[in-house]
Amino acid sequence: MELPNKLYYSISELANHFKVAPSLLRYWEAEFNSIKPKRNSKGTRFYTKKDIEEIRKIHFLVKEQGFTLQGARDQLKKKGQDVDYKIELTERLESIKAKLKNLLKD
């Protein structure tokens, strides 16, 4: 699922995109200083593309690679660019896998 191209995204949009509960995104916001959504006067969160990139990295490390939160923090601190590369590689492999499955169906 691809996010629409917007300036700001709601917490529900991100929760749906990453297939996690909104409470988990709020928790990660408290645990990782790199996630800093803007807030309106009511306290509603509005996430930027920078926030989404950070969430994407954390989601990959915690949910897909099985790191603890501290392990994810360490990885982001030491190997930030490596994480980007691994995410990109994983996405490419998933795309190839999907294409191969479609070929098998035909």
PDB file of N, CA and C in Angstrom:
ATOM      1  N   MET A   1       0.844  -1.183   0.000  1.00  0.00           N
ATOM      2  CA  MET A   1       0.000   0.000   0.000  1.00  0.00           C
ATOM      3  C   MET A   1       0.888   1.244   0.000  1.00  0.00           C
ATOM      4  N   GLU A   2       0.647   2.090  -0.926  1.00  0.00           N
ATOM      5  CA  GLU A   2       1.443   3.310  -1.080  1.00  0.00           C
ATOM      6  C   GLU A   2       0.692   4.485  -0.449  1.00  0.00           C
ATOM      7  N   LEU A   3       1.426   5.321   0.270  1.00  0.00           N
ATOM      8  CA  LEU A   3       0.820   6.520   0.848  1.00  0.00           C
ATOM      9  C   LEU A   3       0.641   7.575  -0.241  1.00  0.00           C
ATOM     10  N   PRO A   4      -0.454   8.338  -0.177  1.00  0.00           N
ATOM     11  CA  PRO A   4      -0.610   9.432  -1.140  1.00  0.00           C
ATOM     12  C   PRO A   4       0.469  10.495  -0.902  1.00  0.00           C
ATOM     13  N   ASN A   5       0.759  11.268  -1.922  1.00  0.00           N
ATOM     14  CA  ASN A   5       1.784  12.298  -1.807  1.00  0.00           C
ATOM     15  C   ASN A   5       1.166  13.543  -1.168  1.00  0.00           C
ATOM     16  N   LYS A   6       1.429  13.716   0.127  1.00  0.00           N
ATOM     17  CA  LYS A   6       0.895  14.851   0.874  1.00  0.00           C
ATOM     18  C   LYS A   6       2.002  15.454   1.735  1.00  0.00           C
ATOM     19  N   LEU A   7       1.728  16.615   2.277  1.00  0.00           N
ATOM     20  CA  LEU A   7       2.676  17.270   3.164  1.00  0.00           C
ATOM     21  C   LEU A   7       2.642  16.645   4.562  1.00  0.00           C
ATOM     22  N   TYR A   8       1.436  16.346   5.061  1.00  0.00           N
ATOM     23  CA  TYR A   8       1.255  15.776   6.394  1.00  0.00           C
ATOM     24  C   TYR A   8       0.333  14.571   6.332  1.00  0.00           C
ATOM     25  N   TYR A   9       0.573  13.623   7.248  1.00  0.00           N
ATOM     26  CA  TYR A   9      -0.217  12.401   7.317  1.00  0.00           C
ATOM     27  C   TYR A   9      -0.728  12.220   8.734  1.00  0.00           C
ATOM     28  N   SER A  10      -1.921  11.658   8.851  1.00  0.00           N
ATOM     29  CA  SER A  10      -2.496  11.411  10.173  1.00  0.00           C
ATOM     30  C   SER A  10      -1.952  10.113  10.744  1.00  0.00           C
ATOM     31  N   ILE A  11      -2.138   9.936  12.034  1.00  0.00           N
ATOM     32  CA  ILE A  11      -1.663   8.722  12.684  1.00  0.00           C
ATOM     33  C   ILE A  11      -2.428   7.505  12.171  1.00  0.00           C
ATOM     34  N   SER A  12      -3.699   7.671  11.841  1.00  0.00           N
ATOM     35  CA  SER A  12      -4.478   6.536  11.329  1.00  0.00           C
ATOM     36  C   SER A  12      -3.998   6.116   9.942  1.00  0.00           C
ATOM     37  N   GLU A  13      -3.603   7.073   9.113  1.00  0.00           N
ATOM     38  CA  GLU A  13      -3.055   6.738   7.797  1.00  0.00           C
ATOM     39  C   GLU A  13      -1.767   5.914   7.939  1.00  0.00           C
ATOM     40  N   LEU A  14      -0.916   6.336   8.866  1.00  0.00           N
ATOM     41  CA  LEU A  14       0.340   5.612   9.057  1.00  0.00           C
ATOM     42  C   LEU A  14       0.107   4.248   9.689  1.00  0.00           C
ATOM     43  N   ALA A  15      -0.809   4.183  10.633  1.00  0.00           N
ATOM     44  CA  ALA A  15      -1.117   2.899  11.266  1.00  0.00           C
ATOM     45  C   ALA A  15      -1.624   1.904  10.216  1.00  0.00           C
ATOM     46  N   ASN A  16      -2.483   2.360   9.322  1.00  0.00           N
ATOM     47  CA  ASN A  16      -2.980   1.495   8.248  1.00  0.00           C
ATOM     48  C   ASN A  16      -1.856   1.106   7.296  1.00  0.00           C
ATOM     49  N   HIS A  17      -1.018   2.056   6.959  1.00  0.00           N
ATOM     50  CA  HIS A  17       0.081   1.795   6.027  1.00  0.00           C
ATOM     51  C   HIS A  17       1.052   0.747   6.573  1.00  0.00           C
ATOM     52  N   PHE A  18       1.440   0.887   7.837  1.00  0.00           N
ATOM     53  CA  PHE A  18       2.405  -0.028   8.437  1.00  0.00           C
ATOM     54  C   PHE A  18       1.749  -1.241   9.096  1.00  0.00           C
ATOM     55  N   LYS A  19       0.408  -1.256   9.092  1.00  0.00           N
ATOM     56  CA  LYS A  19      -0.362  -2.363   9.673  1.00  0.00           C
ATOM     57  C   LYS A  19      -0.010  -2.565  11.148  1.00  0.00           C
ATOM     58  N   VAL A  20      -0.027  -1.446  11.881  1.00  0.00           N
ATOM     59  CA  VAL A  20       0.208  -1.463  13.327  1.00  0.00           C
ATOM     60  C   VAL A  20      -0.873  -0.613  13.997  1.00  0.00           C
ATOM     61  N   ALA A  21      -0.980  -0.730  15.289  1.00  0.00           N
ATOM     62  CA  ALA A  21      -1.943   0.076  16.045  1.00  0.00           C
ATOM     63  C   ALA A  21      -1.410   1.498  16.207  1.00  0.00           C
ATOM     64  N   PRO A  22      -2.303   2.487  16.222  1.00  0.00           N
ATOM     65  CA  PRO A  22      -1.858   3.861  16.465  1.00  0.00           C
ATOM     66  C   PRO A  22      -1.101   4.004  17.783  1.00  0.00           C
ATOM     67  N   SER A  23      -1.481   3.200  18.778  1.00  0.00           N
ATOM     68  CA  SER A  23      -0.793   3.272  20.075  1.00  0.00           C
ATOM     69  C   SER A  23       0.684   2.893  19.942  1.00  0.00           C
ATOM     70  N   LEU A  24       1.004   1.980  19.026  1.00  0.00           N
ATOM     71  CA  LEU A  24       2.402   1.609  18.814  1.00  0.00           C
ATOM     72  C   LEU A  24       3.180   2.776  18.222  1.00  0.00           C
ATOM     73  N   LEU A  25       2.581   3.514  17.317  1.00  0.00           N
ATOM     74  CA  LEU A  25       3.250   4.690  16.754  1.00  0.00           C
ATOM     75  C   LEU A  25       3.486   5.750  17.831  1.00  0.00           C
ATOM     76  N   ARG A  26       2.504   5.924  18.709  1.00  0.00           N
ATOM     77  CA  ARG A  26       2.689   6.882  19.809  1.00  0.00           C
ATOM     78  C   ARG A  26       3.808   6.416  20.740  1.00  0.00           C
ATOM     79  N   TYR A  27       3.867   5.113  20.980  1.00  0.00           N
ATOM     80  CA  TYR A  27       4.920   4.555  21.835  1.00  0.00           C
ATOM     81  C   TYR A  27       6.295   4.773  21.200  1.00  0.00           C
ATOM     82  N   TRP A  28       6.409   4.476  19.920  1.00  0.00           N
ATOM     83  CA  TRP A  28       7.689   4.693  19.239  1.00  0.00           C
ATOM     84  C   TRP A  28       8.077   6.156  19.262  1.00  0.00           C
ATOM     85  N   GLU A  29       7.097   7.032  19.165  1.00  0.00           N
ATOM     86  CA  GLU A  29       7.384   8.474  19.229  1.00  0.00           C
ATOM     87  C   GLU A  29       8.030   8.823  20.572  1.00  0.00           C
ATOM     88  N   ALA A  30       7.537   8.202  21.646  1.00  0.00           N
ATOM     89  CA  ALA A  30       8.101   8.456  22.970  1.00  0.00           C
ATOM     90  C   ALA A  30       9.489   7.840  23.122  1.00  0.00           C
ATOM     91  N   GLU A  31       9.737   6.726  22.445  1.00  0.00           N
ATOM     92  CA  GLU A  31      10.997   5.996  22.585  1.00  0.00           C
ATOM     93  C   GLU A  31      12.115   6.486  21.660  1.00  0.00           C
ATOM     94  N   PHE A  32      11.748   7.066  20.530  1.00  0.00           N
ATOM     95  CA  PHE A  32      12.748   7.504  19.544  1.00  0.00           C
ATOM     96  C   PHE A  32      12.619   9.013  19.332  1.00  0.00           C
ATOM     97  N   ASN A  33      13.673   9.737  19.652  1.00  0.00           N
ATOM     98  CA  ASN A  33      13.671  11.198  19.522  1.00  0.00           C
ATOM     99  C   ASN A  33      13.588  11.663  18.074  1.00  0.00           C
ATOM    100  N   SER A  34      13.868  10.776  17.143  1.00  0.00           N
ATOM    101  CA  SER A  34      13.872  11.157  15.732  1.00  0.00           C
ATOM    102  C   SER A  34      12.466  11.295  15.140  1.00  0.00           C
ATOM    103  N   ILE A  35      11.453  10.807  15.846  1.00  0.00           N
ATOM    104  CA  ILE A  35      10.070  10.946  15.381  1.00  0.00           C
ATOM    105  C   ILE A  35       9.460  12.137  16.120  1.00  0.00           C
ATOM    106  N   LYS A  36       9.190  13.205  15.364  1.00  0.00           N
ATOM    107  CA  LYS A  36       8.679  14.437  15.976  1.00  0.00           C
ATOM    108  C   LYS A  36       7.523  14.996  15.151  1.00  0.00           C
ATOM    109  N   PRO A  37       6.336  14.379  15.256  1.00  0.00           N
ATOM    110  CA  PRO A  37       5.221  14.904  14.465  1.00  0.00           C
ATOM    111  C   PRO A  37       4.796  16.290  14.948  1.00  0.00           C
ATOM    112  N   LYS A  38       4.292  17.065  14.023  1.00  0.00           N
ATOM    113  CA  LYS A  38       3.747  18.375  14.370  1.00  0.00           C
ATOM    114  C   LYS A  38       2.408  18.134  15.061  1.00  0.00           C
ATOM    115  N   ARG A  39       1.986  19.072  15.880  1.00  0.00           N
ATOM    116  CA  ARG A  39       0.699  18.944  16.569  1.00  0.00           C
ATOM    117  C   ARG A  39      -0.080  20.241  16.432  1.00  0.00           C
ATOM    118  N   ASN A  40      -1.388  20.102  16.320  1.00  0.00           N
ATOM    119  CA  ASN A  40      -2.226  21.297  16.306  1.00  0.00           C
ATOM    120  C   ASN A  40      -2.627  21.645  17.738  1.00  0.00           C
ATOM    121  N   SER A  41      -3.471  22.642  17.905  1.00  0.00           N
ATOM    122  CA  SER A  41      -3.848  23.096  19.244  1.00  0.00           C
ATOM    123  C   SER A  41      -4.594  22.031  20.049  1.00  0.00           C
ATOM    124  N   LYS A  42      -5.228  21.077  19.358  1.00  0.00           N
ATOM    125  CA  LYS A  42      -5.926  19.985  20.038  1.00  0.00           C
ATOM    126  C   LYS A  42      -4.997  18.828  20.376  1.00  0.00           C
ATOM    127  N   GLY A  43      -3.778  18.863  19.882  1.00  0.00           N
ATOM    128  CA  GLY A  43      -2.823  17.791  20.140  1.00  0.00           C
ATOM    129  C   GLY A  43      -2.809  16.712  19.076  1.00  0.00           C
ATOM    130  N   THR A  44      -3.555  16.894  17.996  1.00  0.00           N
ATOM    131  CA  THR A  44      -3.576  15.928  16.902  1.00  0.00           C
ATOM    132  C   THR A  44      -2.220  15.901  16.220  1.00  0.00           C
ATOM    133  N   ARG A  45      -1.703  14.693  15.983  1.00  0.00           N
ATOM    134  CA  ARG A  45      -0.388  14.535  15.368  1.00  0.00           C
ATOM    135  C   ARG A  45      -0.487  14.607  13.850  1.00  0.00           C
ATOM    136  N   PHE A  46       0.493  15.267  13.246  1.00  0.00           N
ATOM    137  CA  PHE A  46       0.620  15.338  11.800  1.00  0.00           C
ATOM    138  C   PHE A  46       2.056  14.969  11.442  1.00  0.00           C
ATOM    139  N   TYR A  47       2.217  13.845  10.767  1.00  0.00           N
ATOM    140  CA  TYR A  47       3.540  13.302  10.465  1.00  0.00           C
ATOM    141  C   TYR A  47       4.036  13.792   9.110  1.00  0.00           C
ATOM    142  N   THR A  48       5.320  14.120   9.052  1.00  0.00           N
ATOM    143  CA  THR A  48       5.955  14.545   7.805  1.00  0.00           C
ATOM    144  C   THR A  48       6.625  13.332   7.155  1.00  0.00           C
ATOM    145  N   LYS A  49       7.130  13.530   5.954  1.00  0.00           N
ATOM    146  CA  LYS A  49       7.827  12.451   5.260  1.00  0.00           C
ATOM    147  C   LYS A  49       9.084  12.023   6.020  1.00  0.00           C
ATOM    148  N   LYS A  50       9.724  12.960   6.692  1.00  0.00           N
ATOM    149  CA  LYS A  50      10.898  12.628   7.503  1.00  0.00           C
ATOM    150  C   LYS A  50      10.499  11.694   8.645  1.00  0.00           C
ATOM    151  N   ASP A  51       9.372  11.993   9.290  1.00  0.00           N
ATOM    152  CA  ASP A  51       8.870  11.123  10.350  1.00  0.00           C
ATOM    153  C   ASP A  51       8.564   9.728   9.803  1.00  0.00           C
ATOM    154  N   ILE A  52       7.960   9.689   8.623  1.00  0.00           N
ATOM    155  CA  ILE A  52       7.590   8.413   8.015  1.00  0.00           C
ATOM    156  C   ILE A  52       8.831   7.580   7.709  1.00  0.00           C
ATOM    157  N   GLU A  53       9.895   8.220   7.251  1.00  0.00           N
ATOM    158  CA  GLU A  53      11.140   7.496   6.979  1.00  0.00           C
ATOM    159  C   GLU A  53      11.703   6.880   8.257  1.00  0.00           C
ATOM    160  N   GLU A  54      11.650   7.630   9.344  1.00  0.00           N
ATOM    161  CA  GLU A  54      12.137   7.113  10.626  1.00  0.00           C
ATOM    162  C   GLU A  54      11.271   5.942  11.091  1.00  0.00           C
ATOM    163  N   ILE A  55       9.966   6.086  10.967  1.00  0.00           N
ATOM    164  CA  ILE A  55       9.056   5.004  11.351  1.00  0.00           C
ATOM    165  C   ILE A  55       9.301   3.780  10.484  1.00  0.00           C
ATOM    166  N   ARG A  56       9.538   4.005   9.210  1.00  0.00           N
ATOM    167  CA  ARG A  56       9.820   2.899   8.276  1.00  0.00           C
ATOM    168  C   ARG A  56      11.052   2.117   8.723  1.00  0.00           C
ATOM    169  N   LYS A  57      12.102   2.831   9.119  1.00  0.00           N
ATOM    170  CA  LYS A  57      13.318   2.171   9.586  1.00  0.00           C
ATOM    171  C   LYS A  57      13.067   1.385  10.870  1.00  0.00           C
ATOM    172  N   ILE A  58      12.368   2.014  11.802  1.00  0.00           N
ATOM    173  CA  ILE A  58      12.084   1.356  13.078  1.00  0.00           C
ATOM    174  C   ILE A  58      11.202   0.134  12.851  1.00  0.00           C
ATOM    175  N   HIS A  59      10.187   0.278  12.021  1.00  0.00           N
ATOM    176  CA  HIS A  59       9.290  -0.841  11.711  1.00  0.00           C
ATOM    177  C   HIS A  59      10.083  -2.003  11.109  1.00  0.00           C
ATOM    178  N   PHE A  60      10.963  -1.699  10.180  1.00  0.00           N
ATOM    179  CA  PHE A  60      11.774  -2.731   9.550  1.00  0.00           C
ATOM    180  C   PHE A  60      12.636  -3.454  10.585  1.00  0.00           C
ATOM    181  N   LEU A  61      13.325  -2.698  11.421  1.00  0.00           N
ATOM    182  CA  LEU A  61      14.228  -3.300  12.395  1.00  0.00           C
ATOM    183  C   LEU A  61      13.480  -4.102  13.457  1.00  0.00           C
ATOM    184  N   VAL A  62      12.387  -3.558  13.966  1.00  0.00           N
ATOM    185  CA  VAL A  62      11.673  -4.208  15.071  1.00  0.00           C
ATOM    186  C   VAL A  62      10.741  -5.308  14.579  1.00  0.00           C
ATOM    187  N   LYS A  63       9.918  -4.999  13.615  1.00  0.00           N
ATOM    188  CA  LYS A  63       8.884  -5.944  13.177  1.00  0.00           C
ATOM    189  C   LYS A  63       9.391  -6.977  12.178  1.00  0.00           C
ATOM    190  N   GLU A  64      10.315  -6.598  11.305  1.00  0.00           N
ATOM    191  CA  GLU A  64      10.764  -7.523  10.272  1.00  0.00           C
ATOM    192  C   GLU A  64      12.086  -8.208  10.623  1.00  0.00           C
ATOM    193  N   GLN A  65      12.976  -7.496  11.282  1.00  0.00           N
ATOM    194  CA  GLN A  65      14.282  -8.070  11.615  1.00  0.00           C
ATOM    195  C   GLN A  65      14.339  -8.621  13.045  1.00  0.00           C
ATOM    196  N   GLY A  66      13.354  -8.292  13.874  1.00  0.00           N
ATOM    197  CA  GLY A  66      13.276  -8.848  15.222  1.00  0.00           C
ATOM    198  C   GLY A  66      14.156  -8.179  16.269  1.00  0.00           C
ATOM    199  N   PHE A  67      14.596  -6.966  16.003  1.00  0.00           N
ATOM    200  CA  PHE A  67      15.407  -6.249  16.985  1.00  0.00           C
ATOM    201  C   PHE A  67      14.539  -5.769  18.140  1.00  0.00           C
ATOM    202  N   THR A  68      15.158  -5.642  19.306  1.00  0.00           N
ATOM    203  CA  THR A  68      14.501  -4.968  20.421  1.00  0.00           C
ATOM    204  C   THR A  68      14.551  -3.466  20.137  1.00  0.00           C
ATOM    205  N   LEU A  69      13.852  -2.688  20.928  1.00  0.00           N
ATOM    206  CA  LEU A  69      13.904  -1.230  20.728  1.00  0.00           C
ATOM    207  C   LEU A  69      15.320  -0.704  20.936  1.00  0.00           C
ATOM    208  N   GLN A  70      16.008  -1.227  21.946  1.00  0.00           N
ATOM    209  CA  GLN A  70      17.387  -0.790  22.167  1.00  0.00           C
ATOM    210  C   GLN A  70      18.277  -1.221  21.010  1.00  0.00           C
ATOM    211  N   GLY A  71      18.062  -2.413  20.496  1.00  0.00           N
ATOM    212  CA  GLY A  71      18.821  -2.888  19.347  1.00  0.00           C
ATOM    213  C   GLY A  71      18.567  -2.026  18.122  1.00  0.00           C
ATOM    214  N   ALA A  72      17.313  -1.630  17.930  1.00  0.00           N
ATOM    215  CA  ALA A  72      16.971  -0.748  16.814  1.00  0.00           C
ATOM    216  C   ALA A  72      17.653   0.605  16.976  1.00  0.00           C
ATOM    217  N   ARG A  73      17.642   1.146  18.203  1.00  0.00           N
ATOM    218  CA  ARG A  73      18.332   2.421  18.462  1.00  0.00           C
ATOM    219  C   ARG A  73      19.811   2.314  18.092  1.00  0.00           C
ATOM    220  N   ASP A  74      20.433   1.224  18.523  1.00  0.00           N
ATOM    221  CA  ASP A  74      21.858   1.021  18.250  1.00  0.00           C
ATOM    222  C   ASP A  74      22.119   0.930  16.752  1.00  0.00           C
ATOM    223  N   GLN A  75      21.285   0.183  16.040  1.00  0.00           N
ATOM    224  CA  GLN A  75      21.446   0.040  14.596  1.00  0.00           C
ATOM    225  C   GLN A  75      21.311   1.383  13.891  1.00  0.00           C
ATOM    226  N   LEU A  76      20.321   2.163  14.297  1.00  0.00           N
ATOM    227  CA  LEU A  76      20.107   3.469  13.670  1.00  0.00           C
ATOM    228  C   LEU A  76      21.268   4.413  13.959  1.00  0.00           C
ATOM    229  N   LYS A  77      21.811   4.312  15.154  1.00  0.00           N
ATOM    230  CA  LYS A  77      22.918   5.185  15.528  1.00  0.00           C
ATOM    231  C   LYS A  77      24.198   4.808  14.778  1.00  0.00           C
ATOM    232  N   LYS A  78      24.486   3.513  14.698  1.00  0.00           N
ATOM    233  CA  LYS A  78      25.731   3.038  14.100  1.00  0.00           C
ATOM    234  C   LYS A  78      25.649   2.891  12.590  1.00  0.00           C
ATOM    235  N   LYS A  79      24.533   2.368  12.115  1.00  0.00           N
ATOM    236  CA  LYS A  79      24.463   1.942  10.720  1.00  0.00           C
ATOM    237  C   LYS A  79      23.219   2.487  10.027  1.00  0.00           C
ATOM    238  N   GLY A  80      22.970   3.758  10.140  1.00  0.00           N
ATOM    239  CA  GLY A  80      21.775   4.354   9.548  1.00  0.00           C
ATOM    240  C   GLY A  80      21.647   4.108   8.061  1.00  0.00           C
ATOM    241  N   GLN A  81      22.728   4.285   7.315  1.00  0.00           N
ATOM    242  CA  GLN A  81      22.664   4.080   5.863  1.00  0.00           C
ATOM    243  C   GLN A  81      22.544   2.607   5.513  1.00  0.00           C
ATOM    244  N   ASP A  82      23.125   1.741   6.326  1.00  0.00           N
ATOM    245  CA  ASP A  82      22.981   0.307   6.094  1.00  0.00           C
ATOM    246  C   ASP A  82      21.522  -0.119   6.219  1.00  0.00           C
ATOM    247  N   VAL A  83      20.819   0.488   7.149  1.00  0.00           N
ATOM    248  CA  VAL A  83      19.399   0.169   7.338  1.00  0.00           C
ATOM    249  C   VAL A  83      18.616   0.565   6.094  1.00  0.00           C
ATOM    250  N   ASP A  84      18.892   1.740   5.555  1.00  0.00           N
ATOM    251  CA  ASP A  84      18.231   2.179   4.318  1.00  0.00           C
ATOM    252  C   ASP A  84      18.483   1.187   3.189  1.00  0.00           C
ATOM    253  N   TYR A  85      19.722   0.741   3.063  1.00  0.00           N
ATOM    254  CA  TYR A  85      20.085  -0.202   2.009  1.00  0.00           C
ATOM    255  C   TYR A  85      19.349  -1.535   2.196  1.00  0.00           C
ATOM    256  N   LYS A  86      19.300  -2.021   3.433  1.00  0.00           N
ATOM    257  CA  LYS A  86      18.629  -3.294   3.706  1.00  0.00           C
ATOM    258  C   LYS A  86      17.134  -3.207   3.418  1.00  0.00           C
ATOM    259  N   ILE A  87      16.524  -2.077   3.755  1.00  0.00           N
ATOM    260  CA  ILE A  87      15.100  -1.897   3.471  1.00  0.00           C
ATOM    261  C   ILE A  87      14.866  -1.907   1.964  1.00  0.00           C
ATOM    262  N   GLU A  88      15.679  -1.168   1.247  1.00  0.00           N
ATOM    263  CA  GLU A  88      15.538  -1.108  -0.210  1.00  0.00           C
ATOM    264  C   GLU A  88      15.728  -2.490  -0.838  1.00  0.00           C
ATOM    265  N   LEU A  89      16.720  -3.211  -0.370  1.00  0.00           N
ATOM    266  CA  LEU A  89      16.980  -4.549  -0.880  1.00  0.00           C
ATOM    267  C   LEU A  89      15.813  -5.492  -0.582  1.00  0.00           C
ATOM    268  N   THR A  90      15.294  -5.421   0.618  1.00  0.00           N
ATOM    269  CA  THR A  90      14.160  -6.264   0.999  1.00  0.00           C
ATOM    270  C   THR A  90      12.942  -5.953   0.145  1.00  0.00           C
ATOM    271  N   GLU A  91      12.682  -4.671  -0.096  1.00  0.00           N
ATOM    272  CA  GLU A  91      11.538  -4.281  -0.927  1.00  0.00           C
ATOM    273  C   GLU A  91      11.710  -4.793  -2.361  1.00  0.00           C
ATOM    274  N   ARG A  92      12.919  -4.715  -2.892  1.00  0.00           N
ATOM    275  CA  ARG A  92      13.171  -5.224  -4.242  1.00  0.00           C
ATOM    276  C   ARG A  92      12.940  -6.727  -4.311  1.00  0.00           C
ATOM    277  N   LEU A  93      13.441  -7.442  -3.297  1.00  0.00           N
ATOM    278  CA  LEU A  93      13.265  -8.889  -3.278  1.00  0.00           C
ATOM    279  C   LEU A  93      11.787  -9.271  -3.157  1.00  0.00           C
ATOM    280  N   GLU A  94      11.041  -8.537  -2.351  1.00  0.00           N
ATOM    281  CA  GLU A  94       9.599  -8.793  -2.220  1.00  0.00           C
ATOM    282  C   GLU A  94       8.892  -8.557  -3.547  1.00  0.00           C
ATOM    283  N   SER A  95       9.313  -7.541  -4.269  1.00  0.00           N
ATOM    284  CA  SER A  95       8.726  -7.243  -5.572  1.00  0.00           C
ATOM    285  C   SER A  95       9.013  -8.369  -6.562  1.00  0.00           C
ATOM    286  N   ILE A  96      10.245  -8.843  -6.562  1.00  0.00           N
ATOM    287  CA  ILE A  96      10.621  -9.950  -7.451  1.00  0.00           C
ATOM    288  C   ILE A  96       9.839 -11.202  -7.079  1.00  0.00           C
ATOM    289  N   LYS A  97       9.706 -11.453  -5.793  1.00  0.00           N
ATOM    290  CA  LYS A  97       8.954 -12.612  -5.312  1.00  0.00           C
ATOM    291  C   LYS A  97       7.504 -12.556  -5.791  1.00  0.00           C
ATOM    292  N   ALA A  98       6.893 -11.379  -5.700  1.00  0.00           N
ATOM    293  CA  ALA A  98       5.508 -11.217  -6.151  1.00  0.00           C
ATOM    294  C   ALA A  98       5.388 -11.458  -7.652  1.00  0.00           C
ATOM    295  N   LYS A  99       6.356 -10.951  -8.409  1.00  0.00           N
ATOM    296  CA  LYS A  99       6.335 -11.156  -9.862  1.00  0.00           C
ATOM    297  C   LYS A  99       6.490 -12.628 -10.212  1.00  0.00           C
ATOM    298  N   LEU A 100       7.349 -13.321  -9.497  1.00  0.00           N
ATOM    299  CA  LEU A 100       7.539 -14.746  -9.743  1.00  0.00           C
ATOM    300  C   LEU A 100       6.280 -15.550  -9.399  1.00  0.00           C
ATOM    301  N   LYS A 101       5.605 -15.165  -8.332  1.00  0.00           N
ATOM    302  CA  LYS A 101       4.358 -15.834  -7.970  1.00  0.00           C
ATOM    303  C   LYS A 101       3.305 -15.629  -9.059  1.00  0.00           C
ATOM    304  N   ASN A 102       3.256 -14.419  -9.620  1.00  0.00           N
ATOM    305  CA  ASN A 102       2.316 -14.152 -10.697  1.00  0.00           C
ATOM    306  C   ASN A 102       2.643 -14.986 -11.934  1.00  0.00           C
ATOM    307  N   LEU A 103       3.920 -15.148 -12.214  1.00  0.00           N
ATOM    308  CA  LEU A 103       4.328 -15.973 -13.351  1.00  0.00           C
ATOM    309  C   LEU A 103       3.931 -17.435 -13.143  1.00  0.00           C
ATOM    310  N   LEU A 104       4.058 -17.911 -11.916  1.00  0.00           N
ATOM    311  CA  LEU A 104       3.666 -19.283 -11.619  1.00  0.00           C
ATOM    312  C   LEU A 104       2.169 -19.503 -11.783  1.00  0.00           C
ATOM    313  N   LYS A 105       1.388 -18.483 -11.462  1.00  0.00           N
ATOM    314  CA  LYS A 105      -0.075 -18.586 -11.625  1.00  0.00           C
ATOM    315  C   LYS A 105      -0.458 -18.731 -13.096  1.00  0.00           C
ATOM    316  N   ASP A 106       0.287 -18.057 -13.970  1.00  0.00           N
ATOM    317  CA  ASP A 106      -0.015 -18.086 -15.408  1.00  0.00           C
ATOM    318  C   ASP A 106       0.469 -19.318 -16.050  1.00  0.00           C
TER     319      ASP A 106
END
